[in-house]
mmCIF file of all heavy atoms, coordinates in Angstrom:
data_MODEL
# 
_entry.id   MODEL 
# 
loop_
_atom_site.group_PDB 
_atom_site.id 
_atom_site.type_symbol 
_atom_site.label_atom_id 
_atom_site.label_alt_id 
_atom_site.label_comp_id 
_atom_site.label_asym_id 
_atom_site.label_entity_id 
_atom_site.label_seq_id 
_atom_site.pdbx_PDB_ins_code 
_atom_site.Cartn_x 
_atom_site.Cartn_y 
_atom_site.Cartn_z 
_atom_site.occupancy 
_atom_site.B_iso_or_equiv 
_atom_site.pdbx_formal_charge 
_atom_site.auth_seq_id 
_atom_site.auth_comp_id 
_atom_site.auth_asym_id 
_atom_site.auth_atom_id 
_atom_site.pdbx_PDB_model_num 
ATOM 1   N N   . PHE A 1 1  ? -13.250 -17.612 -52.402 1.00 0.00 ? 1  PHE A N   1 
ATOM 2   C CA  . PHE A 1 1  ? -13.809 -16.745 -51.297 1.00 0.00 ? 1  PHE A CA  1 
ATOM 3   C C   . PHE A 1 1  ? -15.202 -17.258 -50.826 1.00 0.00 ? 1  PHE A C   1 
ATOM 4   O O   . PHE A 1 1  ? -15.677 -16.585 -49.855 1.00 0.00 ? 1  PHE A O   1 
ATOM 5   C CB  . PHE A 1 1  ? -13.864 -15.292 -51.720 1.00 0.00 ? 1  PHE A CB  1 
ATOM 6   C CG  . PHE A 1 1  ? -12.475 -14.662 -51.826 1.00 0.00 ? 1  PHE A CG  1 
ATOM 7   C CD1 . PHE A 1 1  ? -12.333 -13.477 -52.595 1.00 0.00 ? 1  PHE A CD1 1 
ATOM 8   C CD2 . PHE A 1 1  ? -11.355 -15.160 -51.268 1.00 0.00 ? 1  PHE A CD2 1 
ATOM 9   C CE1 . PHE A 1 1  ? -11.099 -12.893 -52.683 1.00 0.00 ? 1  PHE A CE1 1 
ATOM 10  C CE2 . PHE A 1 1  ? -10.125 -14.558 -51.422 1.00 0.00 ? 1  PHE A CE2 1 
ATOM 11  C CZ  . PHE A 1 1  ? -9.990  -13.412 -52.076 1.00 0.00 ? 1  PHE A CZ  1 
ATOM 12  N N   . ASN A 1 2  ? -15.834 -18.222 -51.466 1.00 0.00 ? 2  ASN A N   1 
ATOM 13  C CA  . ASN A 1 2  ? -17.037 -18.620 -51.113 1.00 0.00 ? 2  ASN A CA  1 
ATOM 14  C C   . ASN A 1 2  ? -17.185 -20.020 -50.601 1.00 0.00 ? 2  ASN A C   1 
ATOM 15  O O   . ASN A 1 2  ? -16.644 -20.944 -51.230 1.00 0.00 ? 2  ASN A O   1 
ATOM 16  C CB  . ASN A 1 2  ? -18.117 -18.404 -52.213 1.00 0.00 ? 2  ASN A CB  1 
ATOM 17  C CG  . ASN A 1 2  ? -18.441 -17.000 -52.456 1.00 0.00 ? 2  ASN A CG  1 
ATOM 18  O OD1 . ASN A 1 2  ? -18.320 -16.509 -53.603 1.00 0.00 ? 2  ASN A OD1 1 
ATOM 19  N ND2 . ASN A 1 2  ? -18.714 -16.159 -51.478 1.00 0.00 ? 2  ASN A ND2 1 
ATOM 20  N N   . CYS A 1 3  ? -17.767 -20.252 -49.459 1.00 0.00 ? 3  CYS A N   1 
ATOM 21  C CA  . CYS A 1 3  ? -18.037 -21.651 -48.986 1.00 0.00 ? 3  CYS A CA  1 
ATOM 22  C C   . CYS A 1 3  ? -19.150 -22.339 -49.789 1.00 0.00 ? 3  CYS A C   1 
ATOM 23  O O   . CYS A 1 3  ? -20.179 -21.678 -50.106 1.00 0.00 ? 3  CYS A O   1 
ATOM 24  C CB  . CYS A 1 3  ? -18.445 -21.579 -47.507 1.00 0.00 ? 3  CYS A CB  1 
ATOM 25  S SG  . CYS A 1 3  ? -19.028 -23.099 -46.777 1.00 0.00 ? 3  CYS A SG  1 
ATOM 26  N N   . PRO A 1 4  ? -19.011 -23.643 -50.154 1.00 0.00 ? 4  PRO A N   1 
ATOM 27  C CA  . PRO A 1 4  ? -20.026 -24.288 -50.911 1.00 0.00 ? 4  PRO A CA  1 
ATOM 28  C C   . PRO A 1 4  ? -21.353 -24.419 -50.176 1.00 0.00 ? 4  PRO A C   1 
ATOM 29  O O   . PRO A 1 4  ? -22.302 -24.687 -50.836 1.00 0.00 ? 4  PRO A O   1 
ATOM 30  C CB  . PRO A 1 4  ? -19.395 -25.612 -51.252 1.00 0.00 ? 4  PRO A CB  1 
ATOM 31  C CG  . PRO A 1 4  ? -18.317 -25.849 -50.174 1.00 0.00 ? 4  PRO A CG  1 
ATOM 32  C CD  . PRO A 1 4  ? -17.832 -24.467 -49.993 1.00 0.00 ? 4  PRO A CD  1 
ATOM 33  N N   . SER A 1 5  ? -21.439 -24.250 -48.873 1.00 0.00 ? 5  SER A N   1 
ATOM 34  C CA  . SER A 1 5  ? -22.572 -24.284 -48.147 1.00 0.00 ? 5  SER A CA  1 
ATOM 35  C C   . SER A 1 5  ? -23.412 -23.003 -48.060 1.00 0.00 ? 5  SER A C   1 
ATOM 36  O O   . SER A 1 5  ? -24.497 -22.894 -47.553 1.00 0.00 ? 5  SER A O   1 
ATOM 37  C CB  . SER A 1 5  ? -22.283 -24.842 -46.747 1.00 0.00 ? 5  SER A CB  1 
ATOM 38  O OG  . SER A 1 5  ? -22.021 -26.223 -46.731 1.00 0.00 ? 5  SER A OG  1 
ATOM 39  N N   . GLU A 1 6  ? -22.696 -21.939 -48.615 1.00 0.00 ? 6  GLU A N   1 
ATOM 40  C CA  . GLU A 1 6  ? -23.325 -20.613 -48.541 1.00 0.00 ? 6  GLU A CA  1 
ATOM 41  C C   . GLU A 1 6  ? -24.589 -20.572 -49.400 1.00 0.00 ? 6  GLU A C   1 
ATOM 42  O O   . GLU A 1 6  ? -24.567 -20.995 -50.581 1.00 0.00 ? 6  GLU A O   1 
ATOM 43  C CB  . GLU A 1 6  ? -22.327 -19.525 -49.032 1.00 0.00 ? 6  GLU A CB  1 
ATOM 44  C CG  . GLU A 1 6  ? -22.987 -18.128 -49.162 1.00 0.00 ? 6  GLU A CG  1 
ATOM 45  C CD  . GLU A 1 6  ? -23.564 -17.632 -47.854 1.00 0.00 ? 6  GLU A CD  1 
ATOM 46  O OE1 . GLU A 1 6  ? -22.856 -17.614 -46.799 1.00 0.00 ? 6  GLU A OE1 1 
ATOM 47  O OE2 . GLU A 1 6  ? -24.766 -17.379 -47.887 1.00 0.00 ? 6  GLU A OE2 1 
ATOM 48  N N   . GLU A 1 7  ? -25.600 -20.008 -48.862 1.00 0.00 ? 7  GLU A N   1 
ATOM 49  C CA  . GLU A 1 7  ? -26.957 -19.986 -49.581 1.00 0.00 ? 7  GLU A CA  1 
ATOM 50  C C   . GLU A 1 7  ? -27.080 -18.785 -50.504 1.00 0.00 ? 7  GLU A C   1 
ATOM 51  O O   . GLU A 1 7  ? -27.955 -18.800 -51.377 1.00 0.00 ? 7  GLU A O   1 
ATOM 52  C CB  . GLU A 1 7  ? -28.047 -19.937 -48.464 1.00 0.00 ? 7  GLU A CB  1 
ATOM 53  C CG  . GLU A 1 7  ? -28.046 -21.120 -47.535 1.00 0.00 ? 7  GLU A CG  1 
ATOM 54  C CD  . GLU A 1 7  ? -28.945 -20.943 -46.356 1.00 0.00 ? 7  GLU A CD  1 
ATOM 55  O OE1 . GLU A 1 7  ? -29.445 -19.765 -46.205 1.00 0.00 ? 7  GLU A OE1 1 
ATOM 56  O OE2 . GLU A 1 7  ? -29.111 -21.859 -45.536 1.00 0.00 ? 7  GLU A OE2 1 
ATOM 57  N N   . ASN A 1 8  ? -26.253 -17.738 -50.314 1.00 0.00 ? 8  ASN A N   1 
ATOM 58  C CA  . ASN A 1 8  ? -26.402 -16.470 -51.098 1.00 0.00 ? 8  ASN A CA  1 
ATOM 59  C C   . ASN A 1 8  ? -25.006 -16.021 -51.572 1.00 0.00 ? 8  ASN A C   1 
ATOM 60  O O   . ASN A 1 8  ? -24.382 -15.312 -50.759 1.00 0.00 ? 8  ASN A O   1 
ATOM 61  C CB  . ASN A 1 8  ? -27.208 -15.401 -50.343 1.00 0.00 ? 8  ASN A CB  1 
ATOM 62  C CG  . ASN A 1 8  ? -27.632 -14.278 -51.185 1.00 0.00 ? 8  ASN A CG  1 
ATOM 63  O OD1 . ASN A 1 8  ? -27.282 -14.214 -52.386 1.00 0.00 ? 8  ASN A OD1 1 
ATOM 64  N ND2 . ASN A 1 8  ? -28.454 -13.385 -50.668 1.00 0.00 ? 8  ASN A ND2 1 
ATOM 65  N N   . THR A 1 9  ? -24.744 -16.250 -52.849 1.00 0.00 ? 9  THR A N   1 
ATOM 66  C CA  . THR A 1 9  ? -23.555 -15.766 -53.402 1.00 0.00 ? 9  THR A CA  1 
ATOM 67  C C   . THR A 1 9  ? -23.779 -14.826 -54.595 1.00 0.00 ? 9  THR A C   1 
ATOM 68  O O   . THR A 1 9  ? -22.955 -14.574 -55.389 1.00 0.00 ? 9  THR A O   1 
ATOM 69  C CB  . THR A 1 9  ? -22.603 -16.871 -53.818 1.00 0.00 ? 9  THR A CB  1 
ATOM 70  O OG1 . THR A 1 9  ? -23.283 -17.745 -54.774 1.00 0.00 ? 9  THR A OG1 1 
ATOM 71  C CG2 . THR A 1 9  ? -22.197 -17.779 -52.652 1.00 0.00 ? 9  THR A CG2 1 
ATOM 72  N N   . GLU A 1 10 ? -25.031 -14.359 -54.602 1.00 0.00 ? 10 GLU A N   1 
ATOM 73  C CA  . GLU A 1 10 ? -25.352 -13.389 -55.657 1.00 0.00 ? 10 GLU A CA  1 
ATOM 74  C C   . GLU A 1 10 ? -24.595 -12.126 -55.599 1.00 0.00 ? 10 GLU A C   1 
ATOM 75  O O   . GLU A 1 10 ? -24.242 -11.669 -54.558 1.00 0.00 ? 10 GLU A O   1 
ATOM 76  C CB  . GLU A 1 10 ? -26.914 -13.125 -55.692 1.00 0.00 ? 10 GLU A CB  1 
ATOM 77  C CG  . GLU A 1 10 ? -27.782 -14.253 -55.874 1.00 0.00 ? 10 GLU A CG  1 
ATOM 78  C CD  . GLU A 1 10 ? -27.637 -14.886 -57.222 1.00 0.00 ? 10 GLU A CD  1 
ATOM 79  O OE1 . GLU A 1 10 ? -27.538 -14.166 -58.255 1.00 0.00 ? 10 GLU A OE1 1 
ATOM 80  O OE2 . GLU A 1 10 ? -27.552 -16.152 -57.337 1.00 0.00 ? 10 GLU A OE2 1 
ATOM 81  N N   . LEU A 1 11 ? -24.293 -11.478 -56.760 1.00 0.00 ? 11 LEU A N   1 
ATOM 82  C CA  . LEU A 1 11 ? -23.671 -10.195 -56.824 1.00 0.00 ? 11 LEU A CA  1 
ATOM 83  C C   . LEU A 1 11 ? -24.611 -9.121  -56.275 1.00 0.00 ? 11 LEU A C   1 
ATOM 84  O O   . LEU A 1 11 ? -25.862 -9.336  -56.403 1.00 0.00 ? 11 LEU A O   1 
ATOM 85  C CB  . LEU A 1 11 ? -23.314 -9.844  -58.276 1.00 0.00 ? 11 LEU A CB  1 
ATOM 86  C CG  . LEU A 1 11 ? -22.370 -10.790 -58.990 1.00 0.00 ? 11 LEU A CG  1 
ATOM 87  C CD1 . LEU A 1 11 ? -22.154 -10.268 -60.441 1.00 0.00 ? 11 LEU A CD1 1 
ATOM 88  C CD2 . LEU A 1 11 ? -21.039 -10.761 -58.249 1.00 0.00 ? 11 LEU A CD2 1 
ATOM 89  N N   . ARG A 1 12 ? -24.071 -8.186  -55.588 1.00 0.00 ? 12 ARG A N   1 
ATOM 90  C CA  . ARG A 1 12 ? -24.855 -7.076  -55.034 1.00 0.00 ? 12 ARG A CA  1 
ATOM 91  C C   . ARG A 1 12 ? -24.604 -5.770  -55.835 1.00 0.00 ? 12 ARG A C   1 
ATOM 92  O O   . ARG A 1 12 ? -23.491 -5.443  -56.139 1.00 0.00 ? 12 ARG A O   1 
ATOM 93  C CB  . ARG A 1 12 ? -24.421 -6.799  -53.560 1.00 0.00 ? 12 ARG A CB  1 
ATOM 94  C CG  . ARG A 1 12 ? -25.335 -5.722  -52.966 1.00 0.00 ? 12 ARG A CG  1 
ATOM 95  C CD  . ARG A 1 12 ? -25.099 -5.621  -51.416 1.00 0.00 ? 12 ARG A CD  1 
ATOM 96  N NE  . ARG A 1 12 ? -23.785 -5.096  -51.073 1.00 0.00 ? 12 ARG A NE  1 
ATOM 97  C CZ  . ARG A 1 12 ? -23.498 -3.778  -51.027 1.00 0.00 ? 12 ARG A CZ  1 
ATOM 98  N NH1 . ARG A 1 12 ? -24.379 -2.900  -51.196 1.00 0.00 ? 12 ARG A NH1 1 
ATOM 99  N NH2 . ARG A 1 12 ? -22.296 -3.370  -50.621 1.00 0.00 ? 12 ARG A NH2 1 
ATOM 100 N N   . TYR A 1 13 ? -25.723 -5.183  -56.241 1.00 0.00 ? 13 TYR A N   1 
ATOM 101 C CA  . TYR A 1 13 ? -25.706 -3.966  -57.045 1.00 0.00 ? 13 TYR A CA  1 
ATOM 102 C C   . TYR A 1 13 ? -25.978 -2.765  -56.162 1.00 0.00 ? 13 TYR A C   1 
ATOM 103 O O   . TYR A 1 13 ? -26.942 -2.729  -55.454 1.00 0.00 ? 13 TYR A O   1 
ATOM 104 C CB  . TYR A 1 13 ? -26.685 -4.103  -58.191 1.00 0.00 ? 13 TYR A CB  1 
ATOM 105 C CG  . TYR A 1 13 ? -26.402 -5.143  -59.233 1.00 0.00 ? 13 TYR A CG  1 
ATOM 106 C CD1 . TYR A 1 13 ? -26.651 -6.454  -58.924 1.00 0.00 ? 13 TYR A CD1 1 
ATOM 107 C CD2 . TYR A 1 13 ? -25.865 -4.728  -60.395 1.00 0.00 ? 13 TYR A CD2 1 
ATOM 108 C CE1 . TYR A 1 13 ? -26.361 -7.496  -59.873 1.00 0.00 ? 13 TYR A CE1 1 
ATOM 109 C CE2 . TYR A 1 13 ? -25.464 -5.726  -61.396 1.00 0.00 ? 13 TYR A CE2 1 
ATOM 110 C CZ  . TYR A 1 13 ? -25.795 -7.059  -61.097 1.00 0.00 ? 13 TYR A CZ  1 
ATOM 111 O OH  . TYR A 1 13 ? -25.438 -8.057  -61.980 1.00 0.00 ? 13 TYR A OH  1 
ATOM 112 N N   . SER A 1 14 ? -24.998 -1.759  -56.151 1.00 0.00 ? 14 SER A N   1 
ATOM 113 C CA  . SER A 1 14 ? -25.186 -0.559  -55.367 1.00 0.00 ? 14 SER A CA  1 
ATOM 114 C C   . SER A 1 14 ? -24.773 0.581   -56.192 1.00 0.00 ? 14 SER A C   1 
ATOM 115 O O   . SER A 1 14 ? -23.563 0.832   -56.422 1.00 0.00 ? 14 SER A O   1 
ATOM 116 C CB  . SER A 1 14 ? -24.266 -0.639  -54.148 1.00 0.00 ? 14 SER A CB  1 
ATOM 117 O OG  . SER A 1 14 ? -24.369 0.460   -53.327 1.00 0.00 ? 14 SER A OG  1 
ATOM 118 N N   . GLY A 1 15 ? -25.757 1.181   -56.758 1.00 0.00 ? 15 GLY A N   1 
ATOM 119 C CA  . GLY A 1 15 ? -25.487 2.328   -57.801 1.00 0.00 ? 15 GLY A CA  1 
ATOM 120 C C   . GLY A 1 15 ? -24.831 1.800   -58.980 1.00 0.00 ? 15 GLY A C   1 
ATOM 121 O O   . GLY A 1 15 ? -25.266 0.831   -59.607 1.00 0.00 ? 15 GLY A O   1 
ATOM 122 N N   . ASP A 1 16 ? -23.614 2.382   -59.227 1.00 0.00 ? 16 ASP A N   1 
ATOM 123 C CA  . ASP A 1 16 ? -22.899 1.985   -60.441 1.00 0.00 ? 16 ASP A CA  1 
ATOM 124 C C   . ASP A 1 16 ? -21.844 0.878   -60.114 1.00 0.00 ? 16 ASP A C   1 
ATOM 125 O O   . ASP A 1 16 ? -21.181 0.386   -61.041 1.00 0.00 ? 16 ASP A O   1 
ATOM 126 C CB  . ASP A 1 16 ? -22.160 3.208   -61.024 1.00 0.00 ? 16 ASP A CB  1 
ATOM 127 C CG  . ASP A 1 16 ? -23.123 4.184   -61.603 1.00 0.00 ? 16 ASP A CG  1 
ATOM 128 O OD1 . ASP A 1 16 ? -24.219 3.883   -61.948 1.00 0.00 ? 16 ASP A OD1 1 
ATOM 129 O OD2 . ASP A 1 16 ? -22.680 5.446   -61.551 1.00 0.00 ? 16 ASP A OD2 1 
ATOM 130 N N   . ILE A 1 17 ? -21.770 0.396   -58.916 1.00 0.00 ? 17 ILE A N   1 
ATOM 131 C CA  . ILE A 1 17 ? -20.777 -0.546  -58.502 1.00 0.00 ? 17 ILE A CA  1 
ATOM 132 C C   . ILE A 1 17 ? -21.387 -1.892  -58.245 1.00 0.00 ? 17 ILE A C   1 
ATOM 133 O O   . ILE A 1 17 ? -22.510 -1.987  -57.655 1.00 0.00 ? 17 ILE A O   1 
ATOM 134 C CB  . ILE A 1 17 ? -20.070 -0.120  -57.212 1.00 0.00 ? 17 ILE A CB  1 
ATOM 135 C CG1 . ILE A 1 17 ? -19.407 1.305   -57.424 1.00 0.00 ? 17 ILE A CG1 1 
ATOM 136 C CG2 . ILE A 1 17 ? -18.906 -1.072  -56.853 1.00 0.00 ? 17 ILE A CG2 1 
ATOM 137 C CD1 . ILE A 1 17 ? -18.296 1.385   -58.464 1.00 0.00 ? 17 ILE A CD1 1 
ATOM 138 N N   . ILE A 1 18 ? -20.828 -2.912  -58.675 1.00 0.00 ? 18 ILE A N   1 
ATOM 139 C CA  . ILE A 1 18 ? -21.216 -4.317  -58.403 1.00 0.00 ? 18 ILE A CA  1 
ATOM 140 C C   . ILE A 1 18 ? -20.267 -4.966  -57.457 1.00 0.00 ? 18 ILE A C   1 
ATOM 141 O O   . ILE A 1 18 ? -19.033 -4.745  -57.647 1.00 0.00 ? 18 ILE A O   1 
ATOM 142 C CB  . ILE A 1 18 ? -21.300 -5.112  -59.738 1.00 0.00 ? 18 ILE A CB  1 
ATOM 143 C CG1 . ILE A 1 18 ? -22.209 -4.396  -60.752 1.00 0.00 ? 18 ILE A CG1 1 
ATOM 144 C CG2 . ILE A 1 18 ? -21.811 -6.530  -59.465 1.00 0.00 ? 18 ILE A CG2 1 
ATOM 145 C CD1 . ILE A 1 18 ? -22.237 -5.044  -62.138 1.00 0.00 ? 18 ILE A CD1 1 
ATOM 146 N N   . TYR A 1 19 ? -20.805 -5.635  -56.504 1.00 0.00 ? 19 TYR A N   1 
ATOM 147 C CA  . TYR A 1 19 ? -19.916 -6.282  -55.513 1.00 0.00 ? 19 TYR A CA  1 
ATOM 148 C C   . TYR A 1 19 ? -20.195 -7.895  -55.428 1.00 0.00 ? 19 TYR A C   1 
ATOM 149 O O   . TYR A 1 19 ? -21.246 -8.298  -55.613 1.00 0.00 ? 19 TYR A O   1 
ATOM 150 C CB  . TYR A 1 19 ? -20.158 -5.744  -54.131 1.00 0.00 ? 19 TYR A CB  1 
ATOM 151 C CG  . TYR A 1 19 ? -19.876 -4.287  -53.955 1.00 0.00 ? 19 TYR A CG  1 
ATOM 152 C CD1 . TYR A 1 19 ? -20.949 -3.292  -54.010 1.00 0.00 ? 19 TYR A CD1 1 
ATOM 153 C CD2 . TYR A 1 19 ? -18.539 -3.833  -53.823 1.00 0.00 ? 19 TYR A CD2 1 
ATOM 154 C CE1 . TYR A 1 19 ? -20.638 -1.984  -53.883 1.00 0.00 ? 19 TYR A CE1 1 
ATOM 155 C CE2 . TYR A 1 19 ? -18.306 -2.516  -53.592 1.00 0.00 ? 19 TYR A CE2 1 
ATOM 156 C CZ  . TYR A 1 19 ? -19.318 -1.557  -53.661 1.00 0.00 ? 19 TYR A CZ  1 
ATOM 157 O OH  . TYR A 1 19 ? -18.996 -0.213  -53.544 1.00 0.00 ? 19 TYR A OH  1 
ATOM 158 N N   . ALA A 1 20 ? -19.120 -8.533  -55.223 1.00 0.00 ? 20 ALA A N   1 
ATOM 159 C CA  . ALA A 1 20 ? -19.143 -10.016 -55.060 1.00 0.00 ? 20 ALA A CA  1 
ATOM 160 C C   . ALA A 1 20 ? -18.925 -10.354 -53.493 1.00 0.00 ? 20 ALA A C   1 
ATOM 161 O O   . ALA A 1 20 ? -18.012 -9.715  -52.917 1.00 0.00 ? 20 ALA A O   1 
ATOM 162 C CB  . ALA A 1 20 ? -18.163 -10.755 -55.829 1.00 0.00 ? 20 ALA A CB  1 
ATOM 163 N N   . PRO A 1 21 ? -19.769 -11.152 -52.938 1.00 0.00 ? 21 PRO A N   1 
ATOM 164 C CA  . PRO A 1 21 ? -19.699 -11.436 -51.476 1.00 0.00 ? 21 PRO A CA  1 
ATOM 165 C C   . PRO A 1 21 ? -18.576 -12.400 -51.116 1.00 0.00 ? 21 PRO A C   1 
ATOM 166 O O   . PRO A 1 21 ? -17.894 -12.948 -51.975 1.00 0.00 ? 21 PRO A O   1 
ATOM 167 C CB  . PRO A 1 21 ? -21.048 -12.088 -51.189 1.00 0.00 ? 21 PRO A CB  1 
ATOM 168 C CG  . PRO A 1 21 ? -21.317 -12.749 -52.438 1.00 0.00 ? 21 PRO A CG  1 
ATOM 169 C CD  . PRO A 1 21 ? -20.881 -11.851 -53.586 1.00 0.00 ? 21 PRO A CD  1 
ATOM 170 N N   . ILE A 1 22 ? -18.313 -12.533 -49.802 1.00 0.00 ? 22 ILE A N   1 
ATOM 171 C CA  . ILE A 1 22 ? -17.194 -13.350 -49.348 1.00 0.00 ? 22 ILE A CA  1 
ATOM 172 C C   . ILE A 1 22 ? -17.566 -14.013 -48.018 1.00 0.00 ? 22 ILE A C   1 
ATOM 173 O O   . ILE A 1 22 ? -18.328 -13.527 -47.273 1.00 0.00 ? 22 ILE A O   1 
ATOM 174 C CB  . ILE A 1 22 ? -15.956 -12.377 -49.055 1.00 0.00 ? 22 ILE A CB  1 
ATOM 175 C CG1 . ILE A 1 22 ? -14.737 -13.236 -48.664 1.00 0.00 ? 22 ILE A CG1 1 
ATOM 176 C CG2 . ILE A 1 22 ? -16.216 -11.419 -47.936 1.00 0.00 ? 22 ILE A CG2 1 
ATOM 177 C CD1 . ILE A 1 22 ? -13.392 -12.379 -48.750 1.00 0.00 ? 22 ILE A CD1 1 
ATOM 178 N N   . ASN A 1 23 ? -17.043 -15.244 -47.886 1.00 0.00 ? 23 ASN A N   1 
ATOM 179 C CA  . ASN A 1 23 ? -17.327 -16.132 -46.674 1.00 0.00 ? 23 ASN A CA  1 
ATOM 180 C C   . ASN A 1 23 ? -16.188 -16.334 -45.694 1.00 0.00 ? 23 ASN A C   1 
ATOM 181 O O   . ASN A 1 23 ? -16.323 -16.920 -44.646 1.00 0.00 ? 23 ASN A O   1 
ATOM 182 C CB  . ASN A 1 23 ? -17.761 -17.540 -47.111 1.00 0.00 ? 23 ASN A CB  1 
ATOM 183 C CG  . ASN A 1 23 ? -19.211 -17.470 -47.594 1.00 0.00 ? 23 ASN A CG  1 
ATOM 184 O OD1 . ASN A 1 23 ? -19.501 -17.796 -48.777 1.00 0.00 ? 23 ASN A OD1 1 
ATOM 185 N ND2 . ASN A 1 23 ? -20.126 -17.228 -46.696 1.00 0.00 ? 23 ASN A ND2 1 
ATOM 186 N N   . TYR A 1 24 ? -14.961 -15.802 -46.105 1.00 0.00 ? 24 TYR A N   1 
ATOM 187 C CA  . TYR A 1 24 ? -13.758 -16.049 -45.286 1.00 0.00 ? 24 TYR A CA  1 
ATOM 188 C C   . TYR A 1 24 ? -13.168 -14.693 -44.881 1.00 0.00 ? 24 TYR A C   1 
ATOM 189 O O   . TYR A 1 24 ? -12.739 -13.900 -45.777 1.00 0.00 ? 24 TYR A O   1 
ATOM 190 C CB  . TYR A 1 24 ? -12.763 -16.909 -45.998 1.00 0.00 ? 24 TYR A CB  1 
ATOM 191 C CG  . TYR A 1 24 ? -13.357 -18.223 -46.421 1.00 0.00 ? 24 TYR A CG  1 
ATOM 192 C CD1 . TYR A 1 24 ? -13.549 -18.505 -47.788 1.00 0.00 ? 24 TYR A CD1 1 
ATOM 193 C CD2 . TYR A 1 24 ? -13.850 -19.110 -45.500 1.00 0.00 ? 24 TYR A CD2 1 
ATOM 194 C CE1 . TYR A 1 24 ? -14.110 -19.644 -48.211 1.00 0.00 ? 24 TYR A CE1 1 
ATOM 195 C CE2 . TYR A 1 24 ? -14.344 -20.394 -45.917 1.00 0.00 ? 24 TYR A CE2 1 
ATOM 196 C CZ  . TYR A 1 24 ? -14.526 -20.637 -47.287 1.00 0.00 ? 24 TYR A CZ  1 
ATOM 197 O OH  . TYR A 1 24 ? -15.120 -21.780 -47.681 1.00 0.00 ? 24 TYR A OH  1 
ATOM 198 N N   . ALA A 1 25 ? -13.190 -14.468 -43.535 1.00 0.00 ? 25 ALA A N   1 
ATOM 199 C CA  . ALA A 1 25 ? -12.796 -13.086 -43.045 1.00 0.00 ? 25 ALA A CA  1 
ATOM 200 C C   . ALA A 1 25 ? -11.465 -13.285 -42.246 1.00 0.00 ? 25 ALA A C   1 
ATOM 201 O O   . ALA A 1 25 ? -11.148 -14.296 -41.637 1.00 0.00 ? 25 ALA A O   1 
ATOM 202 C CB  . ALA A 1 25 ? -13.928 -12.591 -42.166 1.00 0.00 ? 25 ALA A CB  1 
ATOM 203 N N   . VAL A 1 26 ? -10.799 -12.198 -42.140 1.00 0.00 ? 26 VAL A N   1 
ATOM 204 C CA  . VAL A 1 26 ? -9.519  -12.094 -41.318 1.00 0.00 ? 26 VAL A CA  1 
ATOM 205 C C   . VAL A 1 26 ? -9.820  -11.673 -39.917 1.00 0.00 ? 26 VAL A C   1 
ATOM 206 O O   . VAL A 1 26 ? -10.763 -10.955 -39.625 1.00 0.00 ? 26 VAL A O   1 
ATOM 207 C CB  . VAL A 1 26 ? -8.526  -11.203 -41.972 1.00 0.00 ? 26 VAL A CB  1 
ATOM 208 C CG1 . VAL A 1 26 ? -8.138  -11.777 -43.325 1.00 0.00 ? 26 VAL A CG1 1 
ATOM 209 C CG2 . VAL A 1 26 ? -9.058  -9.786  -42.115 1.00 0.00 ? 26 VAL A CG2 1 
ATOM 210 N N   . ASN A 1 27 ? -8.942  -12.108 -38.965 1.00 0.00 ? 27 ASN A N   1 
ATOM 211 C CA  . ASN A 1 27 ? -9.103  -11.809 -37.572 1.00 0.00 ? 27 ASN A CA  1 
ATOM 212 C C   . ASN A 1 27 ? -8.637  -10.479 -37.224 1.00 0.00 ? 27 ASN A C   1 
ATOM 213 O O   . ASN A 1 27 ? -7.440  -10.108 -37.247 1.00 0.00 ? 27 ASN A O   1 
ATOM 214 C CB  . ASN A 1 27 ? -8.206  -12.915 -36.798 1.00 0.00 ? 27 ASN A CB  1 
ATOM 215 C CG  . ASN A 1 27 ? -8.160  -12.578 -35.299 1.00 0.00 ? 27 ASN A CG  1 
ATOM 216 O OD1 . ASN A 1 27 ? -8.981  -11.822 -34.742 1.00 0.00 ? 27 ASN A OD1 1 
ATOM 217 N ND2 . ASN A 1 27 ? -7.087  -13.155 -34.695 1.00 0.00 ? 27 ASN A ND2 1 
ATOM 218 N N   . MET A 1 28 ? -9.652  -9.551  -36.767 1.00 0.00 ? 28 MET A N   1 
ATOM 219 C CA  . MET A 1 28 ? -9.326  -8.238  -36.429 1.00 0.00 ? 28 MET A CA  1 
ATOM 220 C C   . MET A 1 28 ? -9.378  -7.999  -34.930 1.00 0.00 ? 28 MET A C   1 
ATOM 221 O O   . MET A 1 28 ? -9.423  -6.857  -34.445 1.00 0.00 ? 28 MET A O   1 
ATOM 222 C CB  . MET A 1 28 ? -10.366 -7.295  -37.101 1.00 0.00 ? 28 MET A CB  1 
ATOM 223 C CG  . MET A 1 28 ? -10.388 -7.373  -38.605 1.00 0.00 ? 28 MET A CG  1 
ATOM 224 S SD  . MET A 1 28 ? -8.807  -6.881  -39.387 1.00 0.00 ? 28 MET A SD  1 
ATOM 225 C CE  . MET A 1 28 ? -8.824  -5.138  -39.120 1.00 0.00 ? 28 MET A CE  1 
ATOM 226 N N   . GLY A 1 29 ? -9.397  -9.109  -34.181 1.00 0.00 ? 29 GLY A N   1 
ATOM 227 C CA  . GLY A 1 29 ? -9.296  -9.004  -32.674 1.00 0.00 ? 29 GLY A CA  1 
ATOM 228 C C   . GLY A 1 29 ? -10.538 -9.284  -31.984 1.00 0.00 ? 29 GLY A C   1 
ATOM 229 O O   . GLY A 1 29 ? -11.432 -10.015 -32.514 1.00 0.00 ? 29 GLY A O   1 
# 
């Protein structure tokens, strides 16, 4: 889910939940 050229792939902490970022998105129009 991450491009090797991405500069920031650190996990994001929000309260009790940890999130991993993404570089590839789907077409919503």
